[in-house]
Structure formats: C-alpha cells, structure tokens
Amino acid sequence: GTFEEVGMTAEIAVDGDGRTYAGMGVDFADYNNDGLPDLV
C-alpha cells in the first residue's frame, strides 16, 4: 500500500541528454510486445 519514487534510478526522470522537459501527456503500455510496459 506504499510507494517509493524511483524516477532517477529507473532513468525516466530526464531525457537522453539529461535534461528536464515539459511533461504533459503520458501513456504506460508495452509497445514492443516483450511483456514489459514502456513509457511515452
């Protein structure tokens, strides 16, 4: 029932150049059918 914030260690906190950006819309689904949910 509790959560921990892991954005940095999971490497989704910034873009590929280490920069923040204007995050607005999001989806969390497996686009490559490998059984692992991906992010956009």
PDB file of all heavy atoms in Angstrom:
ATOM      1  N   GLY A   1       0.792  -1.215   0.000  1.00  0.00           N
ATOM      2  CA  GLY A   1       0.000   0.000   0.000  1.00  0.00           C
ATOM      3  C   GLY A   1       0.827   1.269   0.000  1.00  0.00           C
ATOM      4  O   GLY A   1       0.272   2.366   0.000  1.00  0.00           O
ATOM      5  N   THR A   2       2.149   1.126   0.002  1.00  0.00           N
ATOM      6  CA  THR A   2       3.018   2.302  -0.043  1.00  0.00           C
ATOM      7  C   THR A   2       3.886   2.264  -1.298  1.00  0.00           C
ATOM      8  O   THR A   2       4.068   1.209  -1.916  1.00  0.00           O
ATOM      9  CB  THR A   2       3.919   2.405   1.199  1.00  0.00           C
ATOM     10  OG1 THR A   2       4.862   1.317   1.191  1.00  0.00           O
ATOM     11  CG2 THR A   2       3.091   2.362   2.478  1.00  0.00           C
ATOM     12  N   PHE A   3       4.442   3.437  -1.639  1.00  0.00           N
ATOM     13  CA  PHE A   3       5.193   3.599  -2.873  1.00  0.00           C
ATOM     14  C   PHE A   3       6.497   4.331  -2.593  1.00  0.00           C
ATOM     15  O   PHE A   3       6.619   5.050  -1.603  1.00  0.00           O
ATOM     16  CB  PHE A   3       4.379   4.409  -3.889  1.00  0.00           C
ATOM     17  CG  PHE A   3       3.154   3.702  -4.398  1.00  0.00           C
ATOM     18  CD1 PHE A   3       2.032   3.543  -3.590  1.00  0.00           C
ATOM     19  CD2 PHE A   3       3.106   3.209  -5.684  1.00  0.00           C
ATOM     20  CE1 PHE A   3       0.902   2.900  -4.061  1.00  0.00           C
ATOM     21  CE2 PHE A   3       1.978   2.562  -6.164  1.00  0.00           C
ATOM     22  CZ  PHE A   3       0.872   2.403  -5.349  1.00  0.00           C
ATOM     23  N   GLU A   4       7.472   4.150  -3.490  1.00  0.00           N
ATOM     24  CA  GLU A   4       8.695   4.940  -3.434  1.00  0.00           C
ATOM     25  C   GLU A   4       8.960   5.535  -4.806  1.00  0.00           C
ATOM     26  O   GLU A   4       8.741   4.885  -5.830  1.00  0.00           O
ATOM     27  CB  GLU A   4       9.884   4.083  -2.981  1.00  0.00           C
ATOM     28  CG  GLU A   4      10.219   2.909  -3.882  1.00  0.00           C
ATOM     29  CD  GLU A   4      11.446   2.141  -3.412  1.00  0.00           C
ATOM     30  OE1 GLU A   4      12.266   2.747  -2.703  1.00  0.00           O
ATOM     31  OE2 GLU A   4      11.565   0.948  -3.763  1.00  0.00           O
ATOM     32  N   GLU A   5       9.422   6.782  -4.829  1.00  0.00           N
ATOM     33  CA  GLU A   5       9.681   7.463  -6.092  1.00  0.00           C
ATOM     34  C   GLU A   5      11.061   7.060  -6.598  1.00  0.00           C
ATOM     35  O   GLU A   5      12.071   7.247  -5.913  1.00  0.00           O
ATOM     36  CB  GLU A   5       9.598   8.976  -5.882  1.00  0.00           C
ATOM     37  CG  GLU A   5       9.292   9.757  -7.157  1.00  0.00           C
ATOM     38  CD  GLU A   5      10.469   9.813  -8.121  1.00  0.00           C
ATOM     39  OE1 GLU A   5      11.543  10.285  -7.712  1.00  0.00           O
ATOM     40  OE2 GLU A   5      10.303   9.347  -9.273  1.00  0.00           O
ATOM     41  N   VAL A   6      11.113   6.506  -7.826  1.00  0.00           N
ATOM     42  CA  VAL A   6      12.353   5.932  -8.357  1.00  0.00           C
ATOM     43  C   VAL A   6      12.672   6.456  -9.755  1.00  0.00           C
ATOM     44  O   VAL A   6      13.387   5.802 -10.510  1.00  0.00           O
ATOM     45  CB  VAL A   6      12.272   4.386  -8.379  1.00  0.00           C
ATOM     46  CG1 VAL A   6      12.156   3.826  -6.965  1.00  0.00           C
ATOM     47  CG2 VAL A   6      11.106   3.910  -9.254  1.00  0.00           C
ATOM     48  N   GLY A   7      12.159   7.630 -10.094  1.00  0.00           N
ATOM     49  CA  GLY A   7      12.335   8.131 -11.450  1.00  0.00           C
ATOM     50  C   GLY A   7      13.778   8.234 -11.885  1.00  0.00           C
ATOM     51  O   GLY A   7      14.132   7.872 -13.018  1.00  0.00           O
ATOM     52  N   MET A   8      14.647   8.724 -11.016  1.00  0.00           N
ATOM     53  CA  MET A   8      16.051   8.876 -11.389  1.00  0.00           C
ATOM     54  C   MET A   8      16.747   7.537 -11.558  1.00  0.00           C
ATOM     55  O   MET A   8      17.463   7.316 -12.542  1.00  0.00           O
ATOM     56  CB  MET A   8      16.770   9.729 -10.343  1.00  0.00           C
ATOM     57  CG  MET A   8      16.468  11.211 -10.452  1.00  0.00           C
ATOM     58  SD  MET A   8      17.060  11.965 -11.997  1.00  0.00           S
ATOM     59  CE  MET A   8      18.826  12.035 -11.676  1.00  0.00           C
ATOM     60  N   THR A   9      16.564   6.641 -10.613  1.00  0.00           N
ATOM     61  CA  THR A   9      17.236   5.338 -10.712  1.00  0.00           C
ATOM     62  C   THR A   9      16.667   4.498 -11.850  1.00  0.00           C
ATOM     63  O   THR A   9      17.388   3.680 -12.439  1.00  0.00           O
ATOM     64  CB  THR A   9      17.139   4.572  -9.385  1.00  0.00           C
ATOM     65  OG1 THR A   9      15.763   4.435  -9.014  1.00  0.00           O
ATOM     66  CG2 THR A   9      17.882   5.301  -8.284  1.00  0.00           C
ATOM     67  N   ALA A  10      15.388   4.700 -12.162  1.00  0.00           N
ATOM     68  CA  ALA A  10      14.793   3.979 -13.289  1.00  0.00           C
ATOM     69  C   ALA A  10      15.112   4.641 -14.622  1.00  0.00           C
ATOM     70  O   ALA A  10      14.803   4.092 -15.679  1.00  0.00           O
ATOM     71  CB  ALA A  10      13.276   3.886 -13.116  1.00  0.00           C
ATOM     72  N   GLU A  11      15.706   5.823 -14.581  1.00  0.00           N
ATOM     73  CA  GLU A  11      16.178   6.546 -15.752  1.00  0.00           C
ATOM     74  C   GLU A  11      15.056   7.045 -16.658  1.00  0.00           C
ATOM     75  O   GLU A  11      15.166   7.052 -17.887  1.00  0.00           O
ATOM     76  CB  GLU A  11      17.180   5.701 -16.547  1.00  0.00           C
ATOM     77  CG  GLU A  11      18.411   5.315 -15.721  1.00  0.00           C
ATOM     78  CD  GLU A  11      19.433   4.517 -16.508  1.00  0.00           C
ATOM     79  OE1 GLU A  11      19.879   5.014 -17.563  1.00  0.00           O
ATOM     80  OE2 GLU A  11      19.781   3.419 -16.060  1.00  0.00           O
ATOM     81  N   ILE A  12      13.950   7.510 -16.012  1.00  0.00           N
ATOM     82  CA  ILE A  12      12.880   8.146 -16.787  1.00  0.00           C
ATOM     83  C   ILE A  12      12.673   9.589 -16.343  1.00  0.00           C
ATOM     84  O   ILE A  12      11.775  10.267 -16.846  1.00  0.00           O
ATOM     85  CB  ILE A  12      11.552   7.364 -16.669  1.00  0.00           C
ATOM     86  CG1 ILE A  12      11.014   7.358 -15.241  1.00  0.00           C
ATOM     87  CG2 ILE A  12      11.727   5.933 -17.172  1.00  0.00           C
ATOM     88  CD1 ILE A  12      10.028   8.456 -14.915  1.00  0.00           C
ATOM     89  N   ALA A  13      13.496  10.084 -15.429  1.00  0.00           N
ATOM     90  CA  ALA A  13      13.283  11.416 -14.870  1.00  0.00           C
ATOM     91  C   ALA A  13      13.640  12.529 -15.848  1.00  0.00           C
ATOM     92  O   ALA A  13      13.086  13.633 -15.763  1.00  0.00           O
ATOM     93  CB  ALA A  13      14.104  11.585 -13.588  1.00  0.00           C
ATOM     94  N   VAL A  14      14.556  12.255 -16.777  1.00  0.00           N
ATOM     95  CA  VAL A  14      15.022  13.252 -17.736  1.00  0.00           C
ATOM     96  C   VAL A  14      15.104  12.612 -19.117  1.00  0.00           C
ATOM     97  O   VAL A  14      14.871  11.410 -19.267  1.00  0.00           O
ATOM     98  CB  VAL A  14      16.402  13.810 -17.328  1.00  0.00           C
ATOM     99  CG1 VAL A  14      16.305  14.617 -16.044  1.00  0.00           C
ATOM    100  CG2 VAL A  14      17.417  12.674 -17.161  1.00  0.00           C
ATOM    101  N   ASP A  15      15.445  13.417 -20.114  1.00  0.00           N
ATOM    102  CA  ASP A  15      15.562  12.869 -21.462  1.00  0.00           C
ATOM    103  C   ASP A  15      16.953  12.258 -21.685  1.00  0.00           C
ATOM    104  O   ASP A  15      17.760  12.159 -20.744  1.00  0.00           O
ATOM    105  CB  ASP A  15      15.234  13.938 -22.511  1.00  0.00           C
ATOM    106  CG  ASP A  15      16.260  15.059 -22.579  1.00  0.00           C
ATOM    107  OD1 ASP A  15      17.363  14.938 -22.013  1.00  0.00           O
ATOM    108  OD2 ASP A  15      15.952  16.092 -23.223  1.00  0.00           O
ATOM    109  N   GLY A  16      17.246  11.881 -22.916  1.00  0.00           N
ATOM    110  CA  GLY A  16      18.506  11.205 -23.208  1.00  0.00           C
ATOM    111  C   GLY A  16      19.731  12.063 -23.032  1.00  0.00           C
ATOM    112  O   GLY A  16      20.851  11.545 -22.964  1.00  0.00           O
ATOM    113  N   ASP A  17      19.548  13.389 -22.942  1.00  0.00           N
ATOM    114  CA  ASP A  17      20.669  14.301 -22.729  1.00  0.00           C
ATOM    115  C   ASP A  17      20.738  14.794 -21.290  1.00  0.00           C
ATOM    116  O   ASP A  17      21.483  15.728 -20.990  1.00  0.00           O
ATOM    117  CB  ASP A  17      20.547  15.501 -23.672  1.00  0.00           C
ATOM    118  CG  ASP A  17      20.653  15.103 -25.132  1.00  0.00           C
ATOM    119  OD1 ASP A  17      21.497  14.243 -25.443  1.00  0.00           O
ATOM    120  OD2 ASP A  17      19.887  15.629 -25.956  1.00  0.00           O
ATOM    121  N   GLY A  18      19.944  14.180 -20.414  1.00  0.00           N
ATOM    122  CA  GLY A  18      19.957  14.572 -19.012  1.00  0.00           C
ATOM    123  C   GLY A  18      19.208  15.850 -18.712  1.00  0.00           C
ATOM    124  O   GLY A  18      19.439  16.484 -17.684  1.00  0.00           O
ATOM    125  N   ARG A  19      18.271  16.246 -19.583  1.00  0.00           N
ATOM    126  CA  ARG A  19      17.538  17.488 -19.409  1.00  0.00           C
ATOM    127  C   ARG A  19      16.084  17.224 -19.017  1.00  0.00           C
ATOM    128  O   ARG A  19      15.478  16.236 -19.453  1.00  0.00           O
ATOM    129  CB  ARG A  19      17.558  18.307 -20.699  1.00  0.00           C
ATOM    130  CG  ARG A  19      18.950  18.689 -21.187  1.00  0.00           C
ATOM    131  CD  ARG A  19      18.879  19.319 -22.558  1.00  0.00           C
ATOM    132  NE  ARG A  19      18.297  18.397 -23.534  1.00  0.00           N
ATOM    133  CZ  ARG A  19      18.015  18.737 -24.792  1.00  0.00           C
ATOM    134  NH1 ARG A  19      18.242  19.966 -25.208  1.00  0.00           N
ATOM    135  NH2 ARG A  19      17.514  17.843 -25.629  1.00  0.00           N
ATOM    136  N   THR A  20      15.538  18.124 -18.239  1.00  0.00           N
ATOM    137  CA  THR A  20      14.101  18.083 -17.985  1.00  0.00           C
ATOM    138  C   THR A  20      13.377  18.653 -19.200  1.00  0.00           C
ATOM    139  O   THR A  20      13.979  19.265 -20.082  1.00  0.00           O
ATOM    140  CB  THR A  20      13.738  18.898 -16.736  1.00  0.00           C
ATOM    141  OG1 THR A  20      14.163  20.247 -16.913  1.00  0.00           O
ATOM    142  CG2 THR A  20      14.381  18.301 -15.494  1.00  0.00           C
ATOM    143  N   TYR A  21      12.070  18.437 -19.236  1.00  0.00           N
ATOM    144  CA  TYR A  21      11.255  18.916 -20.352  1.00  0.00           C
ATOM    145  C   TYR A  21       9.829  19.122 -19.867  1.00  0.00           C
ATOM    146  O   TYR A  21       9.499  18.816 -18.717  1.00  0.00           O
ATOM    147  CB  TYR A  21      11.300  17.924 -21.522  1.00  0.00           C
ATOM    148  CG  TYR A  21      10.977  16.490 -21.130  1.00  0.00           C
ATOM    149  CD1 TYR A  21       9.654  16.056 -21.001  1.00  0.00           C
ATOM    150  CD2 TYR A  21      11.993  15.567 -20.877  1.00  0.00           C
ATOM    151  CE1 TYR A  21       9.366  14.744 -20.639  1.00  0.00           C
ATOM    152  CE2 TYR A  21      11.712  14.267 -20.517  1.00  0.00           C
ATOM    153  CZ  TYR A  21      10.389  13.856 -20.395  1.00  0.00           C
ATOM    154  OH  TYR A  21      10.093  12.568 -20.026  1.00  0.00           O
ATOM    155  N   ALA A  22       8.981  19.608 -20.748  1.00  0.00           N
ATOM    156  CA  ALA A  22       7.610  19.965 -20.373  1.00  0.00           C
ATOM    157  C   ALA A  22       6.697  18.746 -20.447  1.00  0.00           C
ATOM    158  O   ALA A  22       5.878  18.615 -21.358  1.00  0.00           O
ATOM    159  CB  ALA A  22       7.089  21.072 -21.280  1.00  0.00           C
ATOM    160  N   GLY A  23       6.815  17.839 -19.492  1.00  0.00           N
ATOM    161  CA  GLY A  23       5.976  16.646 -19.499  1.00  0.00           C
ATOM    162  C   GLY A  23       4.506  17.002 -19.352  1.00  0.00           C
ATOM    163  O   GLY A  23       4.115  17.698 -18.422  1.00  0.00           O
ATOM    164  N   MET A  24       3.684  16.513 -20.275  1.00  0.00           N
ATOM    165  CA  MET A  24       2.257  16.865 -20.272  1.00  0.00           C
ATOM    166  C   MET A  24       1.377  15.617 -20.337  1.00  0.00           C
ATOM    167  O   MET A  24       0.780  15.216 -19.354  1.00  0.00           O
ATOM    168  CB  MET A  24       1.979  17.848 -21.406  1.00  0.00           C
ATOM    169  CG  MET A  24       2.749  19.168 -21.192  1.00  0.00           C
ATOM    170  SD  MET A  24       2.463  20.481 -22.384  1.00  0.00           S
ATOM    171  CE  MET A  24       3.155  19.825 -23.878  1.00  0.00           C
ATOM    172  N   GLY A  25       1.293  14.978 -21.490  1.00  0.00           N
ATOM    173  CA  GLY A  25       0.510  13.745 -21.590  1.00  0.00           C
ATOM    174  C   GLY A  25       1.403  12.530 -21.435  1.00  0.00           C
ATOM    175  O   GLY A  25       2.612  12.586 -21.655  1.00  0.00           O
ATOM    176  N   VAL A  26       0.793  11.389 -21.066  1.00  0.00           N
ATOM    177  CA  VAL A  26       1.590  10.191 -20.797  1.00  0.00           C
ATOM    178  C   VAL A  26       0.783   8.941 -21.104  1.00  0.00           C
ATOM    179  O   VAL A  26      -0.449   8.928 -20.983  1.00  0.00           O
ATOM    180  CB  VAL A  26       2.056  10.172 -19.320  1.00  0.00           C
ATOM    181  CG1 VAL A  26       0.875  10.126 -18.375  1.00  0.00           C
ATOM    182  CG2 VAL A  26       3.014   9.021 -19.048  1.00  0.00           C
ATOM    183  N   ASP A  27       1.475   7.896 -21.531  1.00  0.00           N
ATOM    184  CA  ASP A  27       0.880   6.556 -21.580  1.00  0.00           C
ATOM    185  C   ASP A  27       1.942   5.547 -21.153  1.00  0.00           C
ATOM    186  O   ASP A  27       3.146   5.788 -21.277  1.00  0.00           O
ATOM    187  CB  ASP A  27       0.348   6.226 -22.964  1.00  0.00           C
ATOM    188  CG  ASP A  27      -0.718   5.129 -22.922  1.00  0.00           C
ATOM    189  OD1 ASP A  27      -1.151   4.760 -21.807  1.00  0.00           O
ATOM    190  OD2 ASP A  27      -1.134   4.644 -23.987  1.00  0.00           O
ATOM    191  N   PHE A  28       1.464   4.412 -20.629  1.00  0.00           N
ATOM    192  CA  PHE A  28       2.305   3.423 -19.960  1.00  0.00           C
ATOM    193  C   PHE A  28       1.862   2.057 -20.473  1.00  0.00           C
ATOM    194  O   PHE A  28       0.973   1.433 -19.902  1.00  0.00           O
ATOM    195  CB  PHE A  28       2.058   3.548 -18.454  1.00  0.00           C
ATOM    196  CG  PHE A  28       3.180   3.081 -17.560  1.00  0.00           C
ATOM    197  CD1 PHE A  28       3.083   3.274 -16.188  1.00  0.00           C
ATOM    198  CD2 PHE A  28       4.318   2.466 -18.043  1.00  0.00           C
ATOM    199  CE1 PHE A  28       4.085   2.870 -15.319  1.00  0.00           C
ATOM    200  CE2 PHE A  28       5.323   2.047 -17.196  1.00  0.00           C
ATOM    201  CZ  PHE A  28       5.200   2.256 -15.821  1.00  0.00           C
ATOM    202  N   ALA A  29       2.437   1.596 -21.579  1.00  0.00           N
ATOM    203  CA  ALA A  29       1.984   0.353 -22.201  1.00  0.00           C
ATOM    204  C   ALA A  29       3.135  -0.283 -22.969  1.00  0.00           C
ATOM    205  O   ALA A  29       4.131   0.363 -23.297  1.00  0.00           O
ATOM    206  CB  ALA A  29       0.803   0.630 -23.136  1.00  0.00           C
ATOM    207  N   ASP A  30       2.965  -1.550 -23.283  1.00  0.00           N
ATOM    208  CA  ASP A  30       4.003  -2.362 -23.913  1.00  0.00           C
ATOM    209  C   ASP A  30       3.898  -2.231 -25.433  1.00  0.00           C
ATOM    210  O   ASP A  30       3.133  -2.942 -26.074  1.00  0.00           O
ATOM    211  CB  ASP A  30       3.822  -3.812 -23.467  1.00  0.00           C
ATOM    212  CG  ASP A  30       4.813  -4.765 -24.106  1.00  0.00           C
ATOM    213  OD1 ASP A  30       5.827  -4.293 -24.646  1.00  0.00           O
ATOM    214  OD2 ASP A  30       4.559  -5.983 -24.061  1.00  0.00           O
ATOM    215  N   TYR A  31       4.702  -1.343 -26.029  1.00  0.00           N
ATOM    216  CA  TYR A  31       4.589  -1.108 -27.465  1.00  0.00           C
ATOM    217  C   TYR A  31       5.349  -2.142 -28.294  1.00  0.00           C
ATOM    218  O   TYR A  31       5.074  -2.298 -29.489  1.00  0.00           O
ATOM    219  CB  TYR A  31       5.061   0.306 -27.830  1.00  0.00           C
ATOM    220  CG  TYR A  31       6.553   0.530 -27.783  1.00  0.00           C
ATOM    221  CD1 TYR A  31       7.376   0.164 -28.847  1.00  0.00           C
ATOM    222  CD2 TYR A  31       7.154   1.125 -26.680  1.00  0.00           C
ATOM    223  CE1 TYR A  31       8.749   0.368 -28.806  1.00  0.00           C
ATOM    224  CE2 TYR A  31       8.521   1.346 -26.632  1.00  0.00           C
ATOM    225  CZ  TYR A  31       9.319   0.961 -27.695  1.00  0.00           C
ATOM    226  OH  TYR A  31      10.670   1.165 -27.648  1.00  0.00           O
ATOM    227  N   ASN A  32       6.323  -2.837 -27.690  1.00  0.00           N
ATOM    228  CA  ASN A  32       7.124  -3.789 -28.471  1.00  0.00           C
ATOM    229  C   ASN A  32       6.838  -5.247 -28.131  1.00  0.00           C
ATOM    230  O   ASN A  32       7.581  -6.149 -28.515  1.00  0.00           O
ATOM    231  CB  ASN A  32       8.612  -3.492 -28.312  1.00  0.00           C
ATOM    232  CG  ASN A  32       9.037  -3.419 -26.847  1.00  0.00           C
ATOM    233  OD1 ASN A  32       8.255  -3.716 -25.941  1.00  0.00           O
ATOM    234  ND2 ASN A  32      10.279  -3.029 -26.615  1.00  0.00           N
ATOM    235  N   ASN A  33       5.746  -5.492 -27.395  1.00  0.00           N
ATOM    236  CA  ASN A  33       5.245  -6.846 -27.136  1.00  0.00           C
ATOM    237  C   ASN A  33       6.283  -7.769 -26.504  1.00  0.00           C
ATOM    238  O   ASN A  33       6.370  -8.959 -26.831  1.00  0.00           O
ATOM    239  CB  ASN A  33       4.710  -7.479 -28.429  1.00  0.00           C
ATOM    240  CG  ASN A  33       3.442  -6.797 -28.923  1.00  0.00           C
ATOM    241  OD1 ASN A  33       2.760  -6.103 -28.165  1.00  0.00           O
ATOM    242  ND2 ASN A  33       3.111  -6.985 -30.189  1.00  0.00           N
ATOM    243  N   ASP A  34       7.063  -7.206 -25.565  1.00  0.00           N
ATOM    244  CA  ASP A  34       8.027  -8.048 -24.848  1.00  0.00           C
ATOM    245  C   ASP A  34       7.585  -8.321 -23.414  1.00  0.00           C
ATOM    246  O   ASP A  34       8.344  -8.871 -22.615  1.00  0.00           O
ATOM    247  CB  ASP A  34       9.416  -7.407 -24.863  1.00  0.00           C
ATOM    248  CG  ASP A  34       9.472  -6.072 -24.120  1.00  0.00           C
ATOM    249  OD1 ASP A  34       8.416  -5.588 -23.657  1.00  0.00           O
ATOM    250  OD2 ASP A  34      10.580  -5.504 -24.019  1.00  0.00           O
ATOM    251  N   GLY A  35       6.359  -7.915 -23.091  1.00  0.00           N
ATOM    252  CA  GLY A  35       5.816  -8.181 -21.758  1.00  0.00           C
ATOM    253  C   GLY A  35       6.187  -7.149 -20.724  1.00  0.00           C
ATOM    254  O   GLY A  35       5.881  -7.320 -19.546  1.00  0.00           O
ATOM    255  N   LEU A  36       6.825  -6.054 -21.135  1.00  0.00           N
ATOM    256  CA  LEU A  36       7.290  -5.021 -20.206  1.00  0.00           C
ATOM    257  C   LEU A  36       6.669  -3.684 -20.585  1.00  0.00           C
ATOM    258  O   LEU A  36       6.891  -3.192 -21.703  1.00  0.00           O
ATOM    259  CB  LEU A  36       8.817  -4.915 -20.254  1.00  0.00           C
ATOM    260  CG  LEU A  36       9.589  -6.194 -19.926  1.00  0.00           C
ATOM    261  CD1 LEU A  36      11.066  -6.033 -20.287  1.00  0.00           C
ATOM    262  CD2 LEU A  36       9.434  -6.549 -18.455  1.00  0.00           C
ATOM    263  N   PRO A  37       5.900  -3.053 -19.703  1.00  0.00           N
ATOM    264  CA  PRO A  37       5.284  -1.766 -20.024  1.00  0.00           C
ATOM    265  C   PRO A  37       6.339  -0.688 -20.283  1.00  0.00           C
ATOM    266  O   PRO A  37       7.286  -0.527 -19.506  1.00  0.00           O
ATOM    267  CB  PRO A  37       4.462  -1.430 -18.771  1.00  0.00           C
ATOM    268  CG  PRO A  37       4.267  -2.735 -18.078  1.00  0.00           C
ATOM    269  CD  PRO A  37       5.496  -3.539 -18.369  1.00  0.00           C
ATOM    270  N   ASP A  38       6.169   0.035 -21.373  1.00  0.00           N
ATOM    271  CA  ASP A  38       7.052   1.120 -21.757  1.00  0.00           C
ATOM    272  C   ASP A  38       6.340   2.454 -21.530  1.00  0.00           C
ATOM    273  O   ASP A  38       5.150   2.501 -21.233  1.00  0.00           O
ATOM    274  CB  ASP A  38       7.447   0.968 -23.230  1.00  0.00           C
ATOM    275  CG  ASP A  38       7.964  -0.427 -23.539  1.00  0.00           C
ATOM    276  OD1 ASP A  38       9.019  -0.802 -23.013  1.00  0.00           O
ATOM    277  OD2 ASP A  38       7.279  -1.165 -24.290  1.00  0.00           O
ATOM    278  N   LEU A  39       7.080   3.547 -21.689  1.00  0.00           N
ATOM    279  CA  LEU A  39       6.539   4.875 -21.403  1.00  0.00           C
ATOM    280  C   LEU A  39       6.678   5.805 -22.593  1.00  0.00           C
ATOM    281  O   LEU A  39       7.674   5.752 -23.324  1.00  0.00           O
ATOM    282  CB  LEU A  39       7.288   5.513 -20.230  1.00  0.00           C
ATOM    283  CG  LEU A  39       6.902   5.124 -18.816  1.00  0.00           C
ATOM    284  CD1 LEU A  39       7.892   5.718 -17.830  1.00  0.00           C
ATOM    285  CD2 LEU A  39       5.501   5.614 -18.511  1.00  0.00           C
ATOM    286  N   VAL A  40       5.684   6.684 -22.764  1.00  0.00           N
ATOM    287  CA  VAL A  40       5.817   7.785 -23.693  1.00  0.00           C
ATOM    288  C   VAL A  40       5.233   9.025 -23.019  1.00  0.00           C
ATOM    289  O   VAL A  40       4.197   8.947 -22.352  1.00  0.00           O
ATOM    290  CB  VAL A  40       5.120   7.495 -25.036  1.00  0.00           C
ATOM    291  CG1 VAL A  40       3.614   7.346 -24.881  1.00  0.00           C
ATOM    292  CG2 VAL A  40       5.462   8.555 -26.064  1.00  0.00           C
TER     293      VAL A  40
END
